[in-house]
């Protein structure tokens, strides 16, 4: 994976809370995702369940999604592309 910057702890915490259904709106989460490096997002996505992977991936902008897709393992790539 590409070198990443350490995402702000509050961004990662808010992302985790969103994925767990704690009420952040989509617009807020898209802003949070902008400060997390694509390599860190790829690492996070690989550890999520399928529904969460898809939910997170669908929130990404086209450039970030392409970068994340290139960073995840082949199994995860297939899961994301198939859905």
PDB file of N, CA and C in Angstrom:
ATOM      1  N   UNK A   1       0.833  -1.180   0.000  1.00  0.00           N
ATOM      2  CA  UNK A   1       0.000   0.000   0.000  1.00  0.00           C
ATOM      3  C   UNK A   1       0.879   1.245   0.000  1.00  0.00           C
ATOM      4  N   UNK A   2       0.318   2.325  -0.479  1.00  0.00           N
ATOM      5  CA  UNK A   2       1.026   3.586  -0.522  1.00  0.00           C
ATOM      6  C   UNK A   2       1.219   4.119   0.883  1.00  0.00           C
ATOM      7  N   UNK A   3       2.217   4.987   1.006  1.00  0.00           N
ATOM      8  CA  UNK A   3       2.459   5.619   2.289  1.00  0.00           C
ATOM      9  C   UNK A   3       1.272   6.494   2.647  1.00  0.00           C
ATOM     10  N   UNK A   4       0.888   6.459   3.882  1.00  0.00           N
ATOM     11  CA  UNK A   4      -0.263   7.245   4.298  1.00  0.00           C
ATOM     12  C   UNK A   4       0.142   8.251   5.354  1.00  0.00           C
ATOM     13  N   UNK A   5      -0.694   9.215   5.522  1.00  0.00           N
ATOM     14  CA  UNK A   5      -0.541  10.130   6.633  1.00  0.00           C
ATOM     15  C   UNK A   5      -1.442   9.610   7.729  1.00  0.00           C
ATOM     16  N   UNK A   6      -1.131   9.913   8.937  1.00  0.00           N
ATOM     17  CA  UNK A   6      -1.973   9.462  10.042  1.00  0.00           C
ATOM     18  C   UNK A   6      -3.245  10.293  10.058  1.00  0.00           C
ATOM     19  N   UNK A   7      -4.411   9.666   9.896  1.00  0.00           N
ATOM     20  CA  UNK A   7      -5.648  10.448   9.912  1.00  0.00           C
ATOM     21  C   UNK A   7      -5.901  10.999  11.305  1.00  0.00           C
ATOM     22  N   UNK A   8      -6.550  12.139  11.368  1.00  0.00           N
ATOM     23  CA  UNK A   8      -6.899  12.678  12.687  1.00  0.00           C
ATOM     24  C   UNK A   8      -7.750  11.672  13.456  1.00  0.00           C
ATOM     25  N   UNK A   9      -7.439  11.508  14.734  1.00  0.00           N
ATOM     26  CA  UNK A   9      -8.182  10.553  15.557  1.00  0.00           C
ATOM     27  C   UNK A   9      -9.675  10.830  15.553  1.00  0.00           C
ATOM     28  N   UNK A  10     -10.056  12.112  15.589  1.00  0.00           N
ATOM     29  CA  UNK A  10     -11.487  12.426  15.623  1.00  0.00           C
ATOM     30  C   UNK A  10     -12.161  12.021  14.314  1.00  0.00           C
ATOM     31  N   UNK A  11     -11.453  12.107  13.187  1.00  0.00           N
ATOM     32  CA  UNK A  11     -12.032  11.696  11.906  1.00  0.00           C
ATOM     33  C   UNK A  11     -12.291  10.195  11.906  1.00  0.00           C
ATOM     34  N   UNK A  12     -11.341   9.421  12.373  1.00  0.00           N
ATOM     35  CA  UNK A  12     -11.506   7.970  12.417  1.00  0.00           C
ATOM     36  C   UNK A  12     -12.621   7.591  13.390  1.00  0.00           C
ATOM     37  N   UNK A  13     -12.688   8.279  14.513  1.00  0.00           N
ATOM     38  CA  UNK A  13     -13.736   8.001  15.508  1.00  0.00           C
ATOM     39  C   UNK A  13     -15.111   8.306  14.921  1.00  0.00           C
ATOM     40  N   UNK A  14     -15.252   9.442  14.257  1.00  0.00           N
ATOM     41  CA  UNK A  14     -16.533   9.819  13.664  1.00  0.00           C
ATOM     42  C   UNK A  14     -16.927   8.848  12.562  1.00  0.00           C
ATOM     43  N   UNK A  15     -15.954   8.400  11.784  1.00  0.00           N
ATOM     44  CA  UNK A  15     -16.240   7.430  10.728  1.00  0.00           C
ATOM     45  C   UNK A  15     -16.740   6.126  11.329  1.00  0.00           C
ATOM     46  N   UNK A  16     -16.080   5.653  12.361  1.00  0.00           N
ATOM     47  CA  UNK A  16     -16.500   4.414  13.011  1.00  0.00           C
ATOM     48  C   UNK A  16     -17.904   4.555  13.581  1.00  0.00           C
ATOM     49  N   UNK A  17     -18.187   5.681  14.209  1.00  0.00           N
ATOM     50  CA  UNK A  17     -19.520   5.911  14.770  1.00  0.00           C
ATOM     51  C   UNK A  17     -20.576   5.945  13.668  1.00  0.00           C
ATOM     52  N   UNK A  18     -20.254   6.555  12.532  1.00  0.00           N
ATOM     53  CA  UNK A  18     -21.195   6.598  11.413  1.00  0.00           C
ATOM     54  C   UNK A  18     -21.504   5.192  10.928  1.00  0.00           C
ATOM     55  N   UNK A  19     -20.467   4.395  10.761  1.00  0.00           N
ATOM     56  CA  UNK A  19     -20.658   3.028  10.281  1.00  0.00           C
ATOM     57  C   UNK A  19     -21.458   2.185  11.264  1.00  0.00           C
ATOM     58  N   UNK A  20     -21.393   2.543  12.527  1.00  0.00           N
ATOM     59  CA  UNK A  20     -22.156   1.823  13.548  1.00  0.00           C
ATOM     60  C   UNK A  20     -23.570   2.388  13.702  1.00  0.00           C
ATOM     61  N   UNK A  21     -23.916   3.405  12.905  1.00  0.00           N
ATOM     62  CA  UNK A  21     -25.272   3.939  12.917  1.00  0.00           C
ATOM     63  C   UNK A  21     -25.552   4.978  13.979  1.00  0.00           C
ATOM     64  N   UNK A  22     -24.548   5.776  14.318  1.00  0.00           N
ATOM     65  CA  UNK A  22     -24.742   6.763  15.382  1.00  0.00           C
ATOM     66  C   UNK A  22     -25.174   8.137  14.883  1.00  0.00           C
ATOM     67  N   UNK A  23     -25.811   8.220  13.734  1.00  0.00           N
ATOM     68  CA  UNK A  23     -26.529   9.411  13.357  1.00  0.00           C
ATOM     69  C   UNK A  23     -25.813  10.548  12.665  1.00  0.00           C
ATOM     70  N   UNK A  24     -24.615  10.375  12.190  1.00  0.00           N
ATOM     71  CA  UNK A  24     -24.007  11.449  11.411  1.00  0.00           C
ATOM     72  C   UNK A  24     -24.642  11.460  10.029  1.00  0.00           C
ATOM     73  N   UNK A  25     -24.844  12.642   9.472  1.00  0.00           N
ATOM     74  CA  UNK A  25     -25.441  12.705   8.145  1.00  0.00           C
ATOM     75  C   UNK A  25     -24.373  12.472   7.070  1.00  0.00           C
ATOM     76  N   UNK A  26     -24.852  12.136   5.891  1.00  0.00           N
ATOM     77  CA  UNK A  26     -23.979  11.781   4.780  1.00  0.00           C
ATOM     78  C   UNK A  26     -23.025  12.916   4.417  1.00  0.00           C
ATOM     79  N   UNK A  27     -23.510  14.140   4.408  1.00  0.00           N
ATOM     80  CA  UNK A  27     -22.683  15.295   4.076  1.00  0.00           C
ATOM     81  C   UNK A  27     -21.521  15.437   5.056  1.00  0.00           C
ATOM     82  N   UNK A  28     -21.799  15.289   6.332  1.00  0.00           N
ATOM     83  CA  UNK A  28     -20.757  15.369   7.355  1.00  0.00           C
ATOM     84  C   UNK A  28     -19.721  14.279   7.138  1.00  0.00           C
ATOM     85  N   UNK A  29     -20.183  13.070   6.838  1.00  0.00           N
ATOM     86  CA  UNK A  29     -19.249  11.962   6.668  1.00  0.00           C
ATOM     87  C   UNK A  29     -18.383  12.134   5.419  1.00  0.00           C
ATOM     88  N   UNK A  30     -18.937  12.699   4.370  1.00  0.00           N
ATOM     89  CA  UNK A  30     -18.127  12.959   3.177  1.00  0.00           C
ATOM     90  C   UNK A  30     -17.013  13.947   3.503  1.00  0.00           C
ATOM     91  N   UNK A  31     -17.304  14.934   4.336  1.00  0.00           N
ATOM     92  CA  UNK A  31     -16.270  15.879   4.769  1.00  0.00           C
ATOM     93  C   UNK A  31     -15.206  15.195   5.607  1.00  0.00           C
ATOM     94  N   UNK A  32     -15.627  14.286   6.475  1.00  0.00           N
ATOM     95  CA  UNK A  32     -14.681  13.537   7.302  1.00  0.00           C
ATOM     96  C   UNK A  32     -13.768  12.688   6.414  1.00  0.00           C
ATOM     97  N   UNK A  33     -14.349  12.051   5.403  1.00  0.00           N
ATOM     98  CA  UNK A  33     -13.570  11.187   4.516  1.00  0.00           C
ATOM     99  C   UNK A  33     -12.514  11.949   3.747  1.00  0.00           C
ATOM    100  N   UNK A  34     -12.735  13.225   3.492  1.00  0.00           N
ATOM    101  CA  UNK A  34     -11.773  14.027   2.746  1.00  0.00           C
ATOM    102  C   UNK A  34     -10.448  14.198   3.482  1.00  0.00           C
ATOM    103  N   UNK A  35     -10.452  14.075   4.809  1.00  0.00           N
ATOM    104  CA  UNK A  35      -9.215  14.275   5.564  1.00  0.00           C
ATOM    105  C   UNK A  35      -8.486  12.965   5.861  1.00  0.00           C
ATOM    106  N   UNK A  36      -9.061  11.853   5.459  1.00  0.00           N
ATOM    107  CA  UNK A  36      -8.420  10.548   5.680  1.00  0.00           C
ATOM    108  C   UNK A  36      -7.737  10.122   4.387  1.00  0.00           C
ATOM    109  N   UNK A  37      -6.475   9.788   4.479  1.00  0.00           N
ATOM    110  CA  UNK A  37      -5.688   9.369   3.316  1.00  0.00           C
ATOM    111  C   UNK A  37      -6.293   8.109   2.702  1.00  0.00           C
ATOM    112  N   UNK A  38      -6.326   8.018   1.357  1.00  0.00           N
ATOM    113  CA  UNK A  38      -6.891   6.830   0.704  1.00  0.00           C
ATOM    114  C   UNK A  38      -6.274   5.507   1.156  1.00  0.00           C
ATOM    115  N   UNK A  39      -4.995   5.498   1.458  1.00  0.00           N
ATOM    116  CA  UNK A  39      -4.372   4.258   1.939  1.00  0.00           C
ATOM    117  C   UNK A  39      -4.948   3.846   3.289  1.00  0.00           C
ATOM    118  N   UNK A  40      -5.239   4.832   4.136  1.00  0.00           N
ATOM    119  CA  UNK A  40      -5.855   4.532   5.434  1.00  0.00           C
ATOM    120  C   UNK A  40      -7.292   4.050   5.251  1.00  0.00           C
ATOM    121  N   UNK A  41      -7.991   4.651   4.304  1.00  0.00           N
ATOM    122  CA  UNK A  41      -9.352   4.194   4.006  1.00  0.00           C
ATOM    123  C   UNK A  41      -9.334   2.756   3.486  1.00  0.00           C
ATOM    124  N   UNK A  42      -8.369   2.445   2.633  1.00  0.00           N
ATOM    125  CA  UNK A  42      -8.262   1.084   2.097  1.00  0.00           C
ATOM    126  C   UNK A  42      -8.015   0.092   3.225  1.00  0.00           C
ATOM    127  N   UNK A  43      -7.132   0.433   4.127  1.00  0.00           N
ATOM    128  CA  UNK A  43      -6.829  -0.439   5.271  1.00  0.00           C
ATOM    129  C   UNK A  43      -8.088  -0.654   6.112  1.00  0.00           C
ATOM    130  N   UNK A  44      -8.829   0.421   6.341  1.00  0.00           N
ATOM    131  CA  UNK A  44     -10.053   0.331   7.123  1.00  0.00           C
ATOM    132  C   UNK A  44     -11.099  -0.514   6.412  1.00  0.00           C
ATOM    133  N   UNK A  45     -11.283  -0.289   5.125  1.00  0.00           N
ATOM    134  CA  UNK A  45     -12.289  -1.017   4.352  1.00  0.00           C
ATOM    135  C   UNK A  45     -12.044  -2.515   4.394  1.00  0.00           C
ATOM    136  N   UNK A  46     -10.793  -2.919   4.313  1.00  0.00           N
ATOM    137  CA  UNK A  46     -10.484  -4.349   4.305  1.00  0.00           C
ATOM    138  C   UNK A  46     -10.930  -5.047   5.579  1.00  0.00           C
ATOM    139  N   UNK A  47     -11.028  -4.321   6.672  1.00  0.00           N
ATOM    140  CA  UNK A  47     -11.399  -4.921   7.957  1.00  0.00           C
ATOM    141  C   UNK A  47     -12.901  -4.847   8.259  1.00  0.00           C
ATOM    142  N   UNK A  48     -13.676  -4.252   7.352  1.00  0.00           N
ATOM    143  CA  UNK A  48     -15.113  -4.102   7.581  1.00  0.00           C
ATOM    144  C   UNK A  48     -15.892  -5.281   7.015  1.00  0.00           C
ATOM    145  N   UNK A  49     -17.119  -5.425   7.481  1.00  0.00           N
ATOM    146  CA  UNK A  49     -18.042  -6.380   6.887  1.00  0.00           C
ATOM    147  C   UNK A  49     -18.479  -5.868   5.520  1.00  0.00           C
ATOM    148  N   UNK A  50     -19.089  -6.723   4.734  1.00  0.00           N
ATOM    149  CA  UNK A  50     -19.446  -6.376   3.369  1.00  0.00           C
ATOM    150  C   UNK A  50     -20.345  -5.143   3.294  1.00  0.00           C
ATOM    151  N   UNK A  51     -21.380  -5.097   4.105  1.00  0.00           N
ATOM    152  CA  UNK A  51     -22.297  -3.945   4.065  1.00  0.00           C
ATOM    153  C   UNK A  51     -21.572  -2.638   4.378  1.00  0.00           C
ATOM    154  N   UNK A  52     -20.698  -2.662   5.388  1.00  0.00           N
ATOM    155  CA  UNK A  52     -19.972  -1.460   5.764  1.00  0.00           C
ATOM    156  C   UNK A  52     -18.976  -1.065   4.680  1.00  0.00           C
ATOM    157  N   UNK A  53     -18.332  -2.066   4.064  1.00  0.00           N
ATOM    158  CA  UNK A  53     -17.398  -1.784   2.965  1.00  0.00           C
ATOM    159  C   UNK A  53     -18.099  -1.019   1.861  1.00  0.00           C
ATOM    160  N   UNK A  54     -19.246  -1.513   1.471  1.00  0.00           N
ATOM    161  CA  UNK A  54     -19.999  -0.901   0.381  1.00  0.00           C
ATOM    162  C   UNK A  54     -20.477   0.493   0.776  1.00  0.00           C
ATOM    163  N   UNK A  55     -20.999   0.617   1.985  1.00  0.00           N
ATOM    164  CA  UNK A  55     -21.493   1.903   2.473  1.00  0.00           C
ATOM    165  C   UNK A  55     -20.392   2.956   2.438  1.00  0.00           C
ATOM    166  N   UNK A  56     -19.234   2.609   2.933  1.00  0.00           N
ATOM    167  CA  UNK A  56     -18.111   3.530   2.962  1.00  0.00           C
ATOM    168  C   UNK A  56     -17.619   3.840   1.548  1.00  0.00           C
ATOM    169  N   UNK A  57     -17.450   2.819   0.738  1.00  0.00           N
ATOM    170  CA  UNK A  57     -16.929   2.998  -0.615  1.00  0.00           C
ATOM    171  C   UNK A  57     -17.844   3.896  -1.445  1.00  0.00           C
ATOM    172  N   UNK A  58     -19.147   3.750  -1.278  1.00  0.00           N
ATOM    173  CA  UNK A  58     -20.101   4.557  -2.046  1.00  0.00           C
ATOM    174  C   UNK A  58     -20.086   6.029  -1.652  1.00  0.00           C
ATOM    175  N   UNK A  59     -19.541   6.357  -0.510  1.00  0.00           N
ATOM    176  CA  UNK A  59     -19.448   7.749  -0.077  1.00  0.00           C
ATOM    177  C   UNK A  59     -18.243   8.470  -0.666  1.00  0.00           C
ATOM    178  N   UNK A  60     -17.313   7.728  -1.232  1.00  0.00           N
ATOM    179  CA  UNK A  60     -16.077   8.318  -1.729  1.00  0.00           C
ATOM    180  C   UNK A  60     -16.282   9.008  -3.068  1.00  0.00           C
ATOM    181  N   UNK A  61     -15.528  10.077  -3.276  1.00  0.00           N
ATOM    182  CA  UNK A  61     -15.509  10.726  -4.572  1.00  0.00           C
ATOM    183  C   UNK A  61     -14.806   9.819  -5.573  1.00  0.00           C
ATOM    184  N   UNK A  62     -14.979  10.071  -6.870  1.00  0.00           N
ATOM    185  CA  UNK A  62     -14.426   9.191  -7.901  1.00  0.00           C
ATOM    186  C   UNK A  62     -12.904   8.992  -7.816  1.00  0.00           C
ATOM    187  N   UNK A  63     -12.156  10.053  -7.580  1.00  0.00           N
ATOM    188  CA  UNK A  63     -10.700   9.923  -7.519  1.00  0.00           C
ATOM    189  C   UNK A  63     -10.266   9.135  -6.292  1.00  0.00           C
ATOM    190  N   UNK A  64     -10.866   9.438  -5.164  1.00  0.00           N
ATOM    191  CA  UNK A  64     -10.527   8.717  -3.937  1.00  0.00           C
ATOM    192  C   UNK A  64     -10.928   7.253  -4.055  1.00  0.00           C
ATOM    193  N   UNK A  65     -12.103   7.001  -4.613  1.00  0.00           N
ATOM    194  CA  UNK A  65     -12.564   5.620  -4.781  1.00  0.00           C
ATOM    195  C   UNK A  65     -11.601   4.833  -5.662  1.00  0.00           C
ATOM    196  N   UNK A  66     -11.125   5.448  -6.733  1.00  0.00           N
ATOM    197  CA  UNK A  66     -10.173   4.761  -7.622  1.00  0.00           C
ATOM    198  C   UNK A  66      -8.880   4.446  -6.891  1.00  0.00           C
ATOM    199  N   UNK A  67      -8.401   5.389  -6.111  1.00  0.00           N
ATOM    200  CA  UNK A  67      -7.169   5.156  -5.356  1.00  0.00           C
ATOM    201  C   UNK A  67      -7.364   4.068  -4.317  1.00  0.00           C
ATOM    202  N   UNK A  68      -8.472   4.134  -3.584  1.00  0.00           N
ATOM    203  CA  UNK A  68      -8.764   3.117  -2.574  1.00  0.00           C
ATOM    204  C   UNK A  68      -8.863   1.744  -3.234  1.00  0.00           C
ATOM    205  N   UNK A  69      -9.546   1.671  -4.352  1.00  0.00           N
ATOM    206  CA  UNK A  69      -9.708   0.396  -5.052  1.00  0.00           C
ATOM    207  C   UNK A  69      -8.360  -0.190  -5.447  1.00  0.00           C
ATOM    208  N   UNK A  70      -7.423   0.665  -5.815  1.00  0.00           N
ATOM    209  CA  UNK A  70      -6.094   0.169  -6.197  1.00  0.00           C
ATOM    210  C   UNK A  70      -5.273  -0.281  -4.997  1.00  0.00           C
ATOM    211  N   UNK A  71      -5.685   0.144  -3.801  1.00  0.00           N
ATOM    212  CA  UNK A  71      -4.944  -0.175  -2.582  1.00  0.00           C
ATOM    213  C   UNK A  71      -5.428  -1.432  -1.861  1.00  0.00           C
ATOM    214  N   UNK A  72      -6.679  -1.811  -2.058  1.00  0.00           N
ATOM    215  CA  UNK A  72      -7.217  -2.958  -1.320  1.00  0.00           C
ATOM    216  C   UNK A  72      -6.811  -4.269  -1.993  1.00  0.00           C
ATOM    217  N   UNK A  73      -6.951  -5.352  -1.245  1.00  0.00           N
ATOM    218  CA  UNK A  73      -6.590  -6.664  -1.778  1.00  0.00           C
ATOM    219  C   UNK A  73      -7.585  -7.092  -2.867  1.00  0.00           C
ATOM    220  N   UNK A  74      -7.198  -8.050  -3.713  1.00  0.00           N
ATOM    221  CA  UNK A  74      -8.060  -8.474  -4.825  1.00  0.00           C
ATOM    222  C   UNK A  74      -9.453  -8.949  -4.403  1.00  0.00           C
ATOM    223  N   UNK A  75      -9.566  -9.608  -3.278  1.00  0.00           N
ATOM    224  CA  UNK A  75     -10.874 -10.080  -2.807  1.00  0.00           C
ATOM    225  C   UNK A  75     -11.785  -8.891  -2.514  1.00  0.00           C
ATOM    226  N   UNK A  76     -11.245  -7.899  -1.842  1.00  0.00           N
ATOM    227  CA  UNK A  76     -12.027  -6.706  -1.525  1.00  0.00           C
ATOM    228  C   UNK A  76     -12.364  -5.931  -2.799  1.00  0.00           C
ATOM    229  N   UNK A  77     -11.423  -5.868  -3.730  1.00  0.00           N
ATOM    230  CA  UNK A  77     -11.705  -5.212  -5.016  1.00  0.00           C
ATOM    231  C   UNK A  77     -12.927  -5.854  -5.672  1.00  0.00           C
ATOM    232  N   UNK A  78     -12.940  -7.168  -5.703  1.00  0.00           N
ATOM    233  CA  UNK A  78     -14.057  -7.896  -6.331  1.00  0.00           C
ATOM    234  C   UNK A  78     -15.373  -7.602  -5.609  1.00  0.00           C
ATOM    235  N   UNK A  79     -15.338  -7.592  -4.286  1.00  0.00           N
ATOM    236  CA  UNK A  79     -16.555  -7.324  -3.514  1.00  0.00           C
ATOM    237  C   UNK A  79     -17.096  -5.921  -3.833  1.00  0.00           C
ATOM    238  N   UNK A  80     -16.214  -4.952  -3.919  1.00  0.00           N
ATOM    239  CA  UNK A  80     -16.645  -3.571  -4.160  1.00  0.00           C
ATOM    240  C   UNK A  80     -17.143  -3.372  -5.586  1.00  0.00           C
ATOM    241  N   UNK A  81     -16.495  -3.990  -6.533  1.00  0.00           N
ATOM    242  CA  UNK A  81     -16.867  -3.819  -7.942  1.00  0.00           C
ATOM    243  C   UNK A  81     -18.174  -4.548  -8.253  1.00  0.00           C
ATOM    244  N   UNK A  82     -18.406  -5.680  -7.619  1.00  0.00           N
ATOM    245  CA  UNK A  82     -19.620  -6.463  -7.869  1.00  0.00           C
ATOM    246  C   UNK A  82     -20.880  -5.790  -7.323  1.00  0.00           C
ATOM    247  N   UNK A  83     -20.731  -4.865  -6.383  1.00  0.00           N
ATOM    248  CA  UNK A  83     -21.914  -4.243  -5.751  1.00  0.00           C
ATOM    249  C   UNK A  83     -22.071  -2.844  -6.184  1.00  0.00           C
TER     250      UNK A  83
END
